[in-house]
N, C-alpha and C. Protein backbone atom coordinates (compact mmCIF):
# COMPACT_ATOMS: atom_id res chain seq x y z
N MET A 1 39.41 9.68 75.09
CA MET A 1 39.97 10.84 74.38
C MET A 1 40.36 10.46 72.95
N LYS A 2 40.99 9.22 72.84
CA LYS A 2 41.40 8.75 71.51
C LYS A 2 40.19 8.61 70.59
N HIS A 3 39.09 8.05 71.12
CA HIS A 3 37.86 7.90 70.31
C HIS A 3 37.30 9.26 69.88
N MET A 4 37.36 10.22 70.78
CA MET A 4 36.86 11.56 70.47
C MET A 4 37.67 12.20 69.34
N PHE A 5 39.01 12.01 69.38
CA PHE A 5 39.88 12.56 68.35
C PHE A 5 39.57 11.96 66.98
N VAL A 6 39.36 10.62 66.95
CA VAL A 6 39.03 9.94 65.70
C VAL A 6 37.70 10.45 65.14
N LEU A 7 36.71 10.65 66.04
CA LEU A 7 35.40 11.15 65.63
C LEU A 7 35.50 12.53 65.00
N LEU A 8 36.33 13.41 65.60
CA LEU A 8 36.49 14.76 65.08
C LEU A 8 37.15 14.74 63.70
N LEU A 9 38.15 13.85 63.54
CA LEU A 9 38.80 13.73 62.23
C LEU A 9 37.82 13.27 61.15
N THR A 10 36.94 12.32 61.52
CA THR A 10 35.95 11.80 60.57
C THR A 10 34.98 12.88 60.13
N VAL A 11 34.48 13.66 61.09
CA VAL A 11 33.55 14.75 60.79
C VAL A 11 34.20 15.79 59.89
N SER A 12 35.48 16.13 60.20
CA SER A 12 36.19 17.12 59.39
C SER A 12 36.36 16.65 57.96
N ALA A 13 36.68 15.36 57.79
CA ALA A 13 36.86 14.82 56.44
C ALA A 13 35.56 14.87 55.64
N LEU A 14 34.45 14.52 56.31
CA LEU A 14 33.15 14.56 55.62
C LEU A 14 32.80 15.97 55.19
N CYS A 15 33.10 16.95 56.01
CA CYS A 15 32.79 18.35 55.68
C CYS A 15 33.56 18.82 54.47
N CYS A 16 34.80 18.31 54.30
CA CYS A 16 35.62 18.72 53.16
C CYS A 16 35.02 18.26 51.84
N PHE A 17 34.33 17.10 51.86
CA PHE A 17 33.80 16.53 50.63
C PHE A 17 32.35 16.89 50.36
N CYS A 18 31.72 17.58 51.27
CA CYS A 18 30.31 17.97 51.10
C CYS A 18 30.22 19.40 50.64
N GLU A 19 29.62 19.64 49.48
CA GLU A 19 29.44 21.01 49.00
C GLU A 19 28.26 21.64 49.70
N PRO A 20 28.37 22.91 50.05
CA PRO A 20 27.24 23.58 50.70
C PRO A 20 26.07 23.68 49.76
N VAL A 21 24.88 23.47 50.27
CA VAL A 21 23.66 23.58 49.47
C VAL A 21 23.27 25.04 49.37
N PRO A 22 23.17 25.61 48.14
CA PRO A 22 22.83 27.03 48.01
C PRO A 22 21.44 27.32 48.55
N ALA A 23 21.32 28.48 49.16
CA ALA A 23 20.03 28.89 49.70
C ALA A 23 19.06 29.14 48.56
N PRO A 24 17.79 28.82 48.72
CA PRO A 24 16.82 29.07 47.65
C PRO A 24 16.71 30.55 47.34
N SER A 25 16.53 30.85 46.03
CA SER A 25 16.44 32.25 45.62
C SER A 25 15.20 32.90 46.21
N THR A 26 15.42 34.11 46.70
CA THR A 26 14.28 34.88 47.22
C THR A 26 13.78 35.88 46.19
N ASP A 27 14.51 35.99 45.08
CA ASP A 27 14.11 36.93 44.03
C ASP A 27 13.12 36.25 43.10
N LYS A 28 11.87 36.19 43.51
CA LYS A 28 10.85 35.48 42.74
C LYS A 28 10.61 36.13 41.39
N LYS A 29 10.66 37.46 41.34
CA LYS A 29 10.40 38.17 40.09
C LYS A 29 11.45 37.80 39.04
N ALA A 30 12.75 37.84 39.42
CA ALA A 30 13.81 37.51 38.48
C ALA A 30 13.69 36.07 38.02
N GLU A 31 13.29 35.17 38.93
CA GLU A 31 13.15 33.76 38.58
C GLU A 31 12.05 33.56 37.56
N VAL A 32 10.92 34.23 37.74
CA VAL A 32 9.79 34.09 36.83
C VAL A 32 10.15 34.59 35.44
N VAL A 33 10.81 35.77 35.37
CA VAL A 33 11.17 36.35 34.09
C VAL A 33 12.12 35.43 33.34
N LYS A 34 13.08 34.83 34.07
CA LYS A 34 14.05 33.95 33.44
C LYS A 34 13.38 32.72 32.85
N LEU A 35 12.37 32.22 33.51
CA LEU A 35 11.76 30.96 33.12
C LEU A 35 10.74 31.09 32.00
N VAL A 36 10.07 32.22 31.90
CA VAL A 36 8.92 32.28 31.02
C VAL A 36 9.01 33.31 29.90
N LYS A 37 10.18 33.81 29.58
CA LYS A 37 10.28 34.69 28.41
C LYS A 37 9.97 33.88 27.15
N PRO A 38 9.33 34.50 26.15
CA PRO A 38 9.04 33.78 24.90
C PRO A 38 10.33 33.36 24.19
N VAL A 39 10.21 32.40 23.31
CA VAL A 39 11.34 31.97 22.50
C VAL A 39 11.82 33.13 21.63
N ASN A 40 13.13 33.22 21.44
CA ASN A 40 13.75 34.24 20.58
C ASN A 40 13.36 35.66 21.02
N PHE A 41 13.36 35.88 22.32
CA PHE A 41 12.97 37.18 22.87
C PHE A 41 14.17 38.13 22.86
N HIS A 42 13.96 39.34 22.32
CA HIS A 42 15.02 40.35 22.28
C HIS A 42 14.40 41.73 22.48
N GLN A 43 15.19 42.63 23.03
CA GLN A 43 14.77 44.02 23.18
C GLN A 43 15.25 44.82 21.99
N VAL A 44 14.34 45.52 21.32
CA VAL A 44 14.67 46.35 20.16
C VAL A 44 15.03 47.75 20.61
N THR A 45 14.15 48.33 21.43
CA THR A 45 14.38 49.62 22.08
C THR A 45 13.84 49.50 23.50
N SER A 46 13.84 50.60 24.22
CA SER A 46 13.31 50.57 25.58
C SER A 46 11.82 50.30 25.62
N GLU A 47 11.12 50.47 24.47
CA GLU A 47 9.68 50.27 24.47
C GLU A 47 9.19 49.32 23.38
N ILE A 48 10.09 48.65 22.68
CA ILE A 48 9.71 47.67 21.66
C ILE A 48 10.52 46.40 21.85
N PHE A 49 9.82 45.26 21.85
CA PHE A 49 10.44 43.95 22.00
C PHE A 49 10.01 43.06 20.84
N ARG A 50 10.77 41.99 20.60
CA ARG A 50 10.46 41.05 19.53
C ARG A 50 10.63 39.63 20.06
N SER A 51 9.86 38.69 19.48
CA SER A 51 9.98 37.30 19.93
C SER A 51 9.26 36.37 18.97
N GLY A 52 9.38 35.06 19.27
CA GLY A 52 8.53 34.07 18.65
C GLY A 52 7.20 34.04 19.38
N GLN A 53 6.37 33.05 19.08
CA GLN A 53 5.04 32.95 19.65
C GLN A 53 5.07 32.91 21.18
N PRO A 54 4.43 33.89 21.85
CA PRO A 54 4.37 33.87 23.31
C PRO A 54 3.16 33.08 23.80
N GLU A 55 3.31 32.47 24.97
CA GLU A 55 2.20 31.79 25.63
C GLU A 55 1.57 32.73 26.65
N THR A 56 0.42 32.34 27.19
CA THR A 56 -0.31 33.20 28.12
C THR A 56 0.55 33.59 29.31
N GLU A 57 1.22 32.60 29.93
CA GLU A 57 2.01 32.90 31.13
C GLU A 57 3.19 33.81 30.79
N GLU A 58 3.68 33.74 29.56
CA GLU A 58 4.77 34.62 29.16
C GLU A 58 4.29 36.05 28.97
N LEU A 59 3.09 36.21 28.44
CA LEU A 59 2.52 37.55 28.32
C LEU A 59 2.29 38.17 29.70
N ILE A 60 1.82 37.37 30.62
CA ILE A 60 1.60 37.86 31.99
C ILE A 60 2.92 38.29 32.61
N ALA A 61 3.96 37.46 32.44
CA ALA A 61 5.27 37.78 33.00
C ALA A 61 5.84 39.06 32.40
N LEU A 62 5.70 39.23 31.08
CA LEU A 62 6.21 40.42 30.42
C LEU A 62 5.44 41.67 30.85
N ALA A 63 4.14 41.52 31.05
CA ALA A 63 3.34 42.65 31.52
C ALA A 63 3.81 43.10 32.90
N LYS A 64 4.22 42.14 33.72
CA LYS A 64 4.67 42.48 35.08
C LYS A 64 6.11 42.96 35.11
N SER A 65 6.97 42.32 34.31
CA SER A 65 8.40 42.64 34.40
C SER A 65 8.83 43.77 33.47
N HIS A 66 8.19 43.88 32.30
CA HIS A 66 8.58 44.88 31.31
C HIS A 66 7.46 45.90 31.04
N LYS A 67 6.40 45.84 31.83
CA LYS A 67 5.27 46.79 31.68
C LYS A 67 4.64 46.72 30.29
N LEU A 68 4.62 45.53 29.70
CA LEU A 68 4.07 45.35 28.35
C LEU A 68 2.63 45.86 28.28
N ARG A 69 2.31 46.58 27.19
CA ARG A 69 0.97 47.13 27.02
C ARG A 69 0.27 46.62 25.76
N SER A 70 1.06 46.25 24.72
CA SER A 70 0.46 45.86 23.44
C SER A 70 1.20 44.70 22.81
N ILE A 71 0.49 43.96 21.97
CA ILE A 71 1.07 42.87 21.20
C ILE A 71 0.69 43.06 19.74
N LEU A 72 1.67 42.89 18.85
CA LEU A 72 1.41 42.87 17.41
C LEU A 72 1.75 41.47 16.91
N ASN A 73 0.71 40.72 16.54
CA ASN A 73 0.86 39.35 16.05
C ASN A 73 0.84 39.37 14.52
N LEU A 74 1.90 38.82 13.91
CA LEU A 74 2.02 38.82 12.45
C LEU A 74 1.74 37.45 11.83
N ARG A 75 1.27 36.50 12.64
CA ARG A 75 1.02 35.15 12.11
C ARG A 75 -0.27 35.12 11.29
N LYS A 76 -0.24 34.35 10.20
CA LYS A 76 -1.39 34.31 9.29
C LYS A 76 -2.49 33.38 9.78
N PHE A 77 -2.13 32.23 10.34
CA PHE A 77 -3.13 31.23 10.70
C PHE A 77 -3.26 31.00 12.20
N HIS A 78 -2.83 31.96 12.99
CA HIS A 78 -2.89 31.80 14.44
C HIS A 78 -3.23 33.13 15.09
N SER A 79 -4.32 33.18 15.82
CA SER A 79 -4.73 34.39 16.54
C SER A 79 -4.28 34.32 18.00
N ASP A 80 -3.99 35.47 18.56
CA ASP A 80 -3.63 35.57 19.98
C ASP A 80 -4.83 35.93 20.86
N ARG A 81 -6.03 35.95 20.29
CA ARG A 81 -7.17 36.46 21.04
C ARG A 81 -7.39 35.71 22.36
N ARG A 82 -7.35 34.36 22.31
CA ARG A 82 -7.59 33.59 23.53
C ARG A 82 -6.49 33.78 24.55
N LYS A 83 -5.24 33.79 24.08
CA LYS A 83 -4.11 33.96 24.99
C LYS A 83 -4.16 35.32 25.68
N VAL A 84 -4.45 36.35 24.90
CA VAL A 84 -4.51 37.70 25.47
C VAL A 84 -5.69 37.85 26.42
N ALA A 85 -6.81 37.25 26.06
CA ALA A 85 -7.98 37.30 26.96
C ALA A 85 -7.67 36.61 28.29
N ALA A 86 -6.99 35.46 28.22
CA ALA A 86 -6.62 34.75 29.44
C ALA A 86 -5.62 35.55 30.26
N ALA A 87 -4.68 36.20 29.60
CA ALA A 87 -3.71 37.03 30.31
C ALA A 87 -4.39 38.23 30.95
N ASN A 88 -5.30 38.87 30.20
CA ASN A 88 -5.97 40.06 30.71
C ASN A 88 -6.83 39.76 31.94
N ALA A 89 -7.30 38.52 32.04
CA ALA A 89 -8.10 38.15 33.21
C ALA A 89 -7.27 38.18 34.49
N GLN A 90 -5.95 38.19 34.34
CA GLN A 90 -5.07 38.18 35.51
C GLN A 90 -4.24 39.46 35.64
N LEU A 91 -4.51 40.44 34.78
CA LEU A 91 -3.71 41.67 34.80
C LEU A 91 -4.57 42.88 35.17
N PRO A 92 -4.01 43.81 35.95
CA PRO A 92 -4.78 45.01 36.31
C PRO A 92 -4.97 45.96 35.13
N VAL A 93 -3.98 45.99 34.22
CA VAL A 93 -4.08 46.82 33.01
C VAL A 93 -4.11 45.88 31.81
N PRO A 94 -5.21 45.82 31.06
CA PRO A 94 -5.31 44.85 29.96
C PRO A 94 -4.35 45.14 28.82
N LEU A 95 -3.87 44.07 28.20
CA LEU A 95 -3.04 44.18 27.01
C LEU A 95 -3.91 44.47 25.79
N LYS A 96 -3.38 45.26 24.87
CA LYS A 96 -4.10 45.55 23.63
C LYS A 96 -3.49 44.71 22.52
N LEU A 97 -4.35 44.05 21.75
CA LEU A 97 -3.90 43.14 20.71
C LEU A 97 -4.13 43.72 19.32
N TYR A 98 -3.08 43.66 18.49
CA TYR A 98 -3.16 44.02 17.07
C TYR A 98 -2.74 42.78 16.28
N GLU A 99 -3.45 42.51 15.20
CA GLU A 99 -3.09 41.35 14.38
C GLU A 99 -3.07 41.73 12.91
N ILE A 100 -1.95 41.44 12.25
CA ILE A 100 -1.80 41.65 10.82
C ILE A 100 -1.35 40.33 10.23
N PRO A 101 -2.26 39.50 9.73
CA PRO A 101 -1.88 38.17 9.22
C PRO A 101 -1.02 38.28 7.97
N LEU A 102 0.18 37.73 8.03
CA LEU A 102 1.11 37.84 6.91
C LEU A 102 1.54 36.48 6.40
N ASN A 103 1.57 36.36 5.08
CA ASN A 103 2.25 35.24 4.44
C ASN A 103 3.70 35.67 4.25
N THR A 104 4.64 34.95 4.88
CA THR A 104 6.03 35.40 4.90
C THR A 104 6.60 35.62 3.51
N GLY A 105 6.19 34.79 2.56
CA GLY A 105 6.76 34.87 1.22
C GLY A 105 6.18 35.95 0.34
N SER A 106 5.17 36.67 0.83
CA SER A 106 4.53 37.68 -0.03
C SER A 106 4.22 38.98 0.71
N ILE A 107 5.10 39.39 1.61
CA ILE A 107 4.94 40.67 2.30
C ILE A 107 5.16 41.79 1.28
N ASN A 108 4.33 42.84 1.38
CA ASN A 108 4.46 43.94 0.44
C ASN A 108 4.45 45.29 1.16
N GLU A 109 4.52 46.37 0.39
CA GLU A 109 4.58 47.71 0.99
C GLU A 109 3.32 48.05 1.77
N ALA A 110 2.18 47.58 1.31
CA ALA A 110 0.93 47.84 2.05
C ALA A 110 1.00 47.23 3.44
N HIS A 111 1.59 46.03 3.54
CA HIS A 111 1.77 45.41 4.85
C HIS A 111 2.72 46.24 5.72
N LEU A 112 3.78 46.75 5.12
CA LEU A 112 4.72 47.58 5.88
C LEU A 112 4.02 48.81 6.45
N LEU A 113 3.16 49.41 5.66
CA LEU A 113 2.42 50.59 6.14
C LEU A 113 1.53 50.24 7.33
N ARG A 114 0.86 49.09 7.25
CA ARG A 114 0.00 48.67 8.36
C ARG A 114 0.81 48.40 9.62
N ILE A 115 1.94 47.73 9.44
CA ILE A 115 2.81 47.43 10.58
C ILE A 115 3.33 48.71 11.22
N LEU A 116 3.81 49.63 10.42
CA LEU A 116 4.37 50.87 10.93
C LEU A 116 3.31 51.74 11.60
N THR A 117 2.09 51.68 11.10
CA THR A 117 1.00 52.43 11.73
C THR A 117 0.73 51.90 13.13
N VAL A 118 0.73 50.58 13.28
CA VAL A 118 0.54 49.99 14.61
C VAL A 118 1.70 50.37 15.52
N ILE A 119 2.92 50.26 15.03
CA ILE A 119 4.08 50.61 15.86
C ILE A 119 3.99 52.07 16.30
N ARG A 120 3.55 52.93 15.42
CA ARG A 120 3.41 54.36 15.76
C ARG A 120 2.33 54.59 16.81
N ASP A 121 1.20 53.90 16.68
CA ASP A 121 0.02 54.25 17.48
C ASP A 121 -0.23 53.37 18.70
N ALA A 122 0.33 52.18 18.75
CA ALA A 122 0.02 51.25 19.84
C ALA A 122 0.56 51.75 21.18
N PRO A 123 -0.16 51.49 22.26
CA PRO A 123 0.39 51.78 23.59
C PRO A 123 1.70 51.02 23.78
N LYS A 124 2.66 51.66 24.41
CA LYS A 124 3.97 51.05 24.60
C LYS A 124 4.16 50.69 26.08
N PRO A 125 5.02 49.70 26.33
CA PRO A 125 5.84 48.90 25.43
C PRO A 125 5.01 47.93 24.57
N LEU A 126 5.59 47.60 23.42
CA LEU A 126 4.95 46.77 22.40
C LEU A 126 5.81 45.54 22.12
N LEU A 127 5.17 44.37 22.06
CA LEU A 127 5.84 43.14 21.65
C LEU A 127 5.40 42.80 20.22
N ILE A 128 6.38 42.65 19.32
CA ILE A 128 6.11 42.23 17.94
C ILE A 128 6.52 40.77 17.82
N HIS A 129 5.64 39.93 17.27
CA HIS A 129 6.00 38.52 17.16
C HIS A 129 5.34 37.87 15.95
N CYS A 130 5.94 36.75 15.52
CA CYS A 130 5.32 35.84 14.56
C CYS A 130 5.48 34.44 15.15
N TRP A 131 5.74 33.44 14.35
CA TRP A 131 5.88 32.09 14.91
C TRP A 131 7.27 31.91 15.53
N HIS A 132 8.31 32.13 14.71
CA HIS A 132 9.67 31.96 15.20
C HIS A 132 10.31 33.27 15.67
N GLY A 133 9.72 34.40 15.29
CA GLY A 133 10.32 35.69 15.65
C GLY A 133 11.51 36.03 14.78
N SER A 134 11.57 35.48 13.58
CA SER A 134 12.76 35.62 12.75
C SER A 134 12.54 36.41 11.46
N ASP A 135 11.50 36.06 10.70
CA ASP A 135 11.34 36.59 9.35
C ASP A 135 10.34 37.74 9.28
N ARG A 136 9.06 37.45 9.55
CA ARG A 136 8.07 38.52 9.56
C ARG A 136 8.40 39.57 10.63
N THR A 137 8.78 39.09 11.80
CA THR A 137 9.15 40.00 12.88
C THR A 137 10.40 40.79 12.50
N GLY A 138 11.38 40.11 11.91
CA GLY A 138 12.59 40.80 11.49
C GLY A 138 12.32 41.87 10.45
N CYS A 139 11.39 41.60 9.55
CA CYS A 139 11.00 42.59 8.55
C CYS A 139 10.36 43.81 9.21
N ALA A 140 9.50 43.56 10.20
CA ALA A 140 8.84 44.66 10.91
C ALA A 140 9.85 45.53 11.65
N VAL A 141 10.81 44.89 12.29
CA VAL A 141 11.84 45.64 13.03
C VAL A 141 12.70 46.44 12.06
N ALA A 142 13.04 45.86 10.92
CA ALA A 142 13.83 46.59 9.92
C ALA A 142 13.08 47.83 9.45
N ALA A 143 11.78 47.69 9.18
CA ALA A 143 10.98 48.84 8.75
C ALA A 143 10.94 49.90 9.84
N TYR A 144 10.83 49.47 11.09
CA TYR A 144 10.85 50.41 12.22
C TYR A 144 12.17 51.19 12.22
N ARG A 145 13.27 50.48 12.08
CA ARG A 145 14.59 51.14 12.11
C ARG A 145 14.70 52.19 11.00
N ILE A 146 14.23 51.84 9.80
CA ILE A 146 14.36 52.75 8.65
C ILE A 146 13.50 53.99 8.83
N VAL A 147 12.27 53.83 9.28
CA VAL A 147 11.33 54.95 9.35
C VAL A 147 11.50 55.77 10.62
N PHE A 148 11.54 55.13 11.78
CA PHE A 148 11.53 55.86 13.04
C PHE A 148 12.92 56.19 13.58
N GLU A 149 13.93 55.45 13.12
CA GLU A 149 15.29 55.73 13.59
C GLU A 149 16.19 56.22 12.46
N ASN A 150 15.61 56.36 11.26
CA ASN A 150 16.32 56.90 10.11
C ASN A 150 17.59 56.12 9.77
N GLN A 151 17.56 54.81 10.03
CA GLN A 151 18.69 53.96 9.64
C GLN A 151 18.70 53.76 8.13
N SER A 152 19.86 53.46 7.61
CA SER A 152 19.94 53.12 6.20
C SER A 152 19.31 51.75 5.98
N VAL A 153 18.87 51.51 4.76
CA VAL A 153 18.26 50.21 4.43
C VAL A 153 19.27 49.09 4.67
N GLU A 154 20.52 49.32 4.29
CA GLU A 154 21.52 48.25 4.44
C GLU A 154 21.81 47.96 5.90
N ALA A 155 21.77 48.95 6.75
CA ALA A 155 21.96 48.71 8.19
C ALA A 155 20.81 47.90 8.75
N ALA A 156 19.60 48.21 8.30
CA ALA A 156 18.42 47.47 8.76
C ALA A 156 18.45 46.02 8.25
N VAL A 157 18.89 45.82 7.01
CA VAL A 157 19.00 44.47 6.46
C VAL A 157 20.09 43.69 7.21
N ALA A 158 21.19 44.35 7.56
CA ALA A 158 22.26 43.68 8.30
C ALA A 158 21.77 43.19 9.65
N GLU A 159 20.91 43.99 10.31
CA GLU A 159 20.34 43.55 11.59
C GLU A 159 19.41 42.36 11.38
N LEU A 160 18.59 42.42 10.33
CA LEU A 160 17.71 41.30 9.99
C LEU A 160 18.49 40.00 9.87
N MET A 161 19.69 40.06 9.30
CA MET A 161 20.49 38.88 8.99
C MET A 161 21.31 38.35 10.17
N LYS A 162 21.31 39.05 11.28
CA LYS A 162 22.14 38.61 12.41
C LYS A 162 21.73 37.21 12.85
N PRO A 163 22.71 36.33 13.09
CA PRO A 163 22.41 34.91 13.39
C PRO A 163 21.52 34.71 14.61
N GLU A 164 21.63 35.60 15.60
CA GLU A 164 20.85 35.38 16.82
C GLU A 164 19.35 35.48 16.61
N TYR A 165 18.92 36.09 15.51
CA TYR A 165 17.48 36.22 15.26
C TYR A 165 16.92 35.06 14.43
N GLY A 166 17.79 34.32 13.74
CA GLY A 166 17.35 33.12 13.04
C GLY A 166 16.66 33.34 11.71
N HIS A 167 16.93 34.46 11.04
CA HIS A 167 16.29 34.72 9.74
C HIS A 167 16.65 33.62 8.74
N HIS A 168 15.64 33.11 8.03
CA HIS A 168 15.85 32.04 7.05
C HIS A 168 16.20 32.69 5.70
N LYS A 169 17.44 33.12 5.58
CA LYS A 169 17.84 33.96 4.45
C LYS A 169 17.86 33.23 3.11
N THR A 170 18.00 31.91 3.14
CA THR A 170 18.00 31.18 1.87
C THR A 170 16.59 30.85 1.40
N ILE A 171 15.62 31.01 2.30
CA ILE A 171 14.22 30.72 1.95
C ILE A 171 13.46 32.00 1.61
N TYR A 172 13.56 33.00 2.50
CA TYR A 172 12.77 34.22 2.34
C TYR A 172 13.64 35.35 1.82
N THR A 173 14.16 35.16 0.61
CA THR A 173 14.96 36.20 -0.03
C THR A 173 14.10 37.41 -0.40
N ASN A 174 12.77 37.22 -0.38
CA ASN A 174 11.87 38.32 -0.72
C ASN A 174 11.90 39.44 0.31
N ILE A 175 12.27 39.12 1.57
CA ILE A 175 12.22 40.16 2.61
C ILE A 175 13.31 41.22 2.42
N PRO A 176 14.59 40.85 2.32
CA PRO A 176 15.57 41.90 2.03
C PRO A 176 15.34 42.57 0.69
N ALA A 177 14.81 41.82 -0.29
CA ALA A 177 14.51 42.43 -1.59
C ALA A 177 13.43 43.50 -1.44
N LEU A 178 12.40 43.23 -0.64
CA LEU A 178 11.35 44.22 -0.39
C LEU A 178 11.92 45.45 0.30
N LEU A 179 12.73 45.22 1.32
CA LEU A 179 13.30 46.35 2.06
C LEU A 179 14.15 47.23 1.16
N ARG A 180 14.82 46.63 0.18
CA ARG A 180 15.71 47.39 -0.71
C ARG A 180 14.94 48.13 -1.81
N ARG A 181 13.78 47.61 -2.20
CA ARG A 181 13.07 48.28 -3.31
C ARG A 181 11.91 49.16 -2.83
N ALA A 182 11.55 49.08 -1.58
CA ALA A 182 10.41 49.85 -1.07
C ALA A 182 10.64 51.35 -1.26
N ASN A 183 9.55 52.06 -1.49
CA ASN A 183 9.61 53.53 -1.62
C ASN A 183 9.55 54.14 -0.22
N TRP A 184 10.71 54.21 0.41
CA TRP A 184 10.74 54.66 1.81
C TRP A 184 10.38 56.13 1.97
N ALA A 185 10.67 56.94 0.97
CA ALA A 185 10.28 58.36 1.05
C ALA A 185 8.77 58.48 1.15
N GLN A 186 8.06 57.72 0.32
CA GLN A 186 6.61 57.74 0.35
C GLN A 186 6.06 57.15 1.65
N ILE A 187 6.65 56.05 2.08
CA ILE A 187 6.20 55.41 3.34
C ILE A 187 6.40 56.36 4.51
N LYS A 188 7.55 57.01 4.58
CA LYS A 188 7.81 57.95 5.67
C LYS A 188 6.82 59.10 5.67
N THR A 189 6.50 59.60 4.47
CA THR A 189 5.54 60.70 4.37
C THR A 189 4.19 60.28 4.96
N LYS A 190 3.75 59.07 4.63
CA LYS A 190 2.46 58.60 5.13
C LYS A 190 2.48 58.34 6.64
N ILE A 191 3.54 57.72 7.13
CA ILE A 191 3.61 57.35 8.55
C ILE A 191 3.92 58.55 9.42
N LEU A 192 4.81 59.41 8.96
CA LEU A 192 5.22 60.56 9.77
C LEU A 192 4.29 61.74 9.60
N GLY A 193 3.29 61.61 8.72
CA GLY A 193 2.35 62.69 8.51
C GLY A 193 1.14 62.62 9.42
N ALA A 194 1.26 61.89 10.52
CA ALA A 194 0.14 61.78 11.48
C ALA A 194 -0.15 63.14 12.10
N SER A 195 -1.33 63.24 12.67
CA SER A 195 -1.74 64.48 13.31
C SER A 195 -0.75 64.92 14.36
N LEU A 196 -0.29 66.16 14.26
CA LEU A 196 0.65 66.68 15.25
C LEU A 196 0.03 66.70 16.65
N ASN A 197 -1.27 66.96 16.70
CA ASN A 197 -1.94 66.98 18.01
C ASN A 197 -1.90 65.60 18.66
N ASP A 198 -2.17 64.55 17.86
CA ASP A 198 -2.14 63.19 18.40
C ASP A 198 -0.73 62.81 18.82
N LEU A 199 0.25 63.15 17.99
CA LEU A 199 1.63 62.82 18.33
C LEU A 199 2.10 63.54 19.57
N THR A 200 1.72 64.82 19.67
CA THR A 200 2.11 65.60 20.85
C THR A 200 1.50 65.01 22.11
N ARG A 201 0.23 64.61 22.02
CA ARG A 201 -0.43 64.00 23.17
C ARG A 201 0.28 62.71 23.60
N LYS A 202 0.62 61.87 22.63
CA LYS A 202 1.31 60.62 22.94
C LYS A 202 2.70 60.89 23.53
N ALA A 203 3.39 61.88 22.96
CA ALA A 203 4.72 62.22 23.47
C ALA A 203 4.64 62.70 24.90
N GLU A 204 3.63 63.49 25.21
CA GLU A 204 3.47 63.98 26.58
C GLU A 204 3.13 62.86 27.56
N GLN A 205 2.57 61.77 27.03
CA GLN A 205 2.26 60.61 27.86
C GLN A 205 3.45 59.66 27.99
N GLY A 206 4.59 60.03 27.39
CA GLY A 206 5.79 59.23 27.52
C GLY A 206 6.06 58.27 26.40
N ASP A 207 5.31 58.35 25.28
CA ASP A 207 5.52 57.45 24.15
C ASP A 207 6.77 57.90 23.39
N LYS A 208 7.84 57.11 23.49
CA LYS A 208 9.12 57.50 22.89
C LYS A 208 9.09 57.43 21.37
N THR A 209 8.27 56.55 20.81
CA THR A 209 8.15 56.50 19.36
C THR A 209 7.52 57.79 18.84
N ALA A 210 6.50 58.28 19.54
CA ALA A 210 5.88 59.56 19.16
C ALA A 210 6.89 60.70 19.26
N VAL A 211 7.75 60.66 20.27
CA VAL A 211 8.80 61.68 20.42
C VAL A 211 9.73 61.64 19.21
N LYS A 212 10.11 60.42 18.77
CA LYS A 212 10.99 60.29 17.61
C LYS A 212 10.33 60.86 16.36
N VAL A 213 9.04 60.56 16.17
CA VAL A 213 8.34 61.08 15.00
C VAL A 213 8.30 62.61 15.02
N LEU A 214 7.98 63.17 16.17
CA LEU A 214 7.94 64.64 16.28
C LEU A 214 9.29 65.26 15.98
N ASN A 215 10.34 64.63 16.49
CA ASN A 215 11.68 65.16 16.24
C ASN A 215 12.03 65.11 14.76
N ILE A 216 11.63 64.05 14.07
CA ILE A 216 11.89 63.93 12.63
C ILE A 216 11.13 65.02 11.87
N ILE A 217 9.85 65.20 12.23
CA ILE A 217 9.02 66.22 11.54
C ILE A 217 9.60 67.62 11.75
N ARG A 218 10.01 67.90 12.99
CA ARG A 218 10.50 69.26 13.32
C ARG A 218 11.87 69.54 12.71
N SER A 219 12.62 68.47 12.38
CA SER A 219 13.95 68.67 11.81
C SER A 219 13.92 68.87 10.30
N ARG A 220 12.74 68.71 9.68
CA ARG A 220 12.64 68.85 8.23
C ARG A 220 12.66 70.31 7.81
């Protein structure tokens, strides 16, 4: 009996010092999304995302978890064609790729028009990216805010400068300068002057950016 009592005390002591091993996660989808999101990934709206350079497996994960439909690549010397082709080979609905090669130090109004046209017309959700997801991408998001959400230029510049996005403000001073001097009235006229029939069709298909454009046009 004495030996049995000692044995029970020993077992109890060992149990006190042993932490329980957590059960393996059964939420495979949440685990995949956590592991493979692109660097500097952020949600801009319910249908627009921004990031640094995504890899093939990250595009596949975003297509599955966020229903991603399009990619806008702003890098000058790097194409996403191979990555998107590899991702599309594994996806039931292929991703659509748009590429506007930009030199970060010399973005101009013509580039803004091209970017905004893609944002308006691309199937959503849309991922906008460059290399780091900080400067060219930040400029694109600022232009989106000004044109489609009617934000003030200074509010859009303030978002560009937020530390979490990593904008290199001492290097690319040209970006806030461009945003402040751009002829936004003219840009809005060109971007928001799209065919009402096309916009209505996109809005009926659930494109929230098209809905925003229609609402802006109808409020004038």
